Amino acid sequence: MDRQALIARKQEVRRLLEQARRELTYIEGQPASWRNRRAINALQVKIERLMAEEYSLRLQIDRTRE
């Protein structure tokens, strides 16, 4: 991937990350149920995956400067 494509993907990942965080905040405010716990767990996994991808993209972008 070229630098511009990496930056575009990083922006998309950040958008998805913010969306997932908003969803998590909303669901955490709902009454507790097994469905909510399952949704919270799934969102936490998604957020961790997106954070890892964002970090990886950041490193790749930094390497393209060299």
Protein backbone atom coordinates (compact mmCIF):
# COMPACT_ATOMS: atom_id res chain seq x y z
CA MET A 1 0.00 0.00 0.00
CA ASP A 2 1.17 3.50 -0.67
CA ARG A 3 1.23 6.19 2.00
CA GLN A 4 -2.07 7.80 0.92
CA ALA A 5 -3.90 4.46 0.97
CA LEU A 6 -2.52 3.74 4.46
CA ILE A 7 -3.66 7.15 5.69
CA ALA A 8 -7.12 6.66 4.18
CA ARG A 9 -7.44 3.23 5.83
CA LYS A 10 -6.29 4.67 9.17
CA GLN A 11 -8.98 7.36 8.94
CA GLU A 12 -11.59 4.70 8.18
CA VAL A 13 -10.40 2.61 11.14
CA ARG A 14 -10.60 5.66 13.43
CA ARG A 15 -14.17 6.31 12.23
CA LEU A 16 -15.13 2.69 12.91
CA LEU A 17 -13.43 2.85 16.30
CA GLU A 18 -15.39 5.94 17.34
CA GLN A 19 -18.62 4.34 16.13
CA ALA A 20 -17.93 1.18 18.15
CA ARG A 21 -17.11 3.24 21.24
CA ARG A 22 -20.39 5.15 20.92
CA GLU A 23 -22.29 1.86 20.56
CA LEU A 24 -20.52 0.45 23.61
CA THR A 25 -21.39 3.52 25.68
CA TYR A 26 -25.03 3.24 24.62
CA ILE A 27 -25.31 -0.48 25.38
CA GLU A 28 -23.56 -0.10 28.73
CA GLY A 29 -26.30 2.37 29.66
CA GLN A 30 -29.05 -0.18 28.97
CA PRO A 31 -30.46 -2.57 31.60
CA ALA A 32 -28.27 -5.64 32.10
CA SER A 33 -29.22 -8.76 30.18
CA TRP A 34 -27.39 -11.68 28.58
CA ARG A 35 -27.83 -10.07 25.16
CA ASN A 36 -26.31 -6.83 26.38
CA ARG A 37 -23.38 -8.66 27.96
CA ARG A 38 -22.79 -10.53 24.71
CA ALA A 39 -22.98 -7.28 22.71
CA ILE A 40 -20.61 -5.55 25.14
CA ASN A 41 -18.10 -8.39 24.85
CA ALA A 42 -18.32 -8.35 21.05
CA LEU A 43 -17.82 -4.58 20.92
CA GLN A 44 -14.86 -4.76 23.29
CA VAL A 45 -13.22 -7.34 21.02
CA LYS A 46 -13.98 -5.19 17.96
CA ILE A 47 -12.51 -2.10 19.64
CA GLU A 48 -9.33 -3.98 20.59
CA ARG A 49 -8.98 -5.28 17.01
CA LEU A 50 -9.47 -1.80 15.55
CA MET A 51 -6.99 -0.28 18.00
CA ALA A 52 -4.41 -2.89 17.00
CA GLU A 53 -5.03 -2.22 13.31
CA GLU A 54 -4.74 1.54 13.86
CA TYR A 55 -1.42 1.04 15.65
CA SER A 56 -0.13 -1.18 12.85
CA LEU A 57 -1.19 1.37 10.25
CA ARG A 58 0.53 4.14 12.20
CA LEU A 59 3.77 2.16 12.16
CA GLN A 60 3.44 1.46 8.43
CA ILE A 61 2.78 5.13 7.72
CA ASP A 62 5.86 6.10 9.75
CA ARG A 63 7.96 3.61 7.79
CA THR A 64 6.90 5.15 4.47
CA ARG A 65 8.55 8.44 5.50
CA GLU A 66 11.98 6.85 5.70
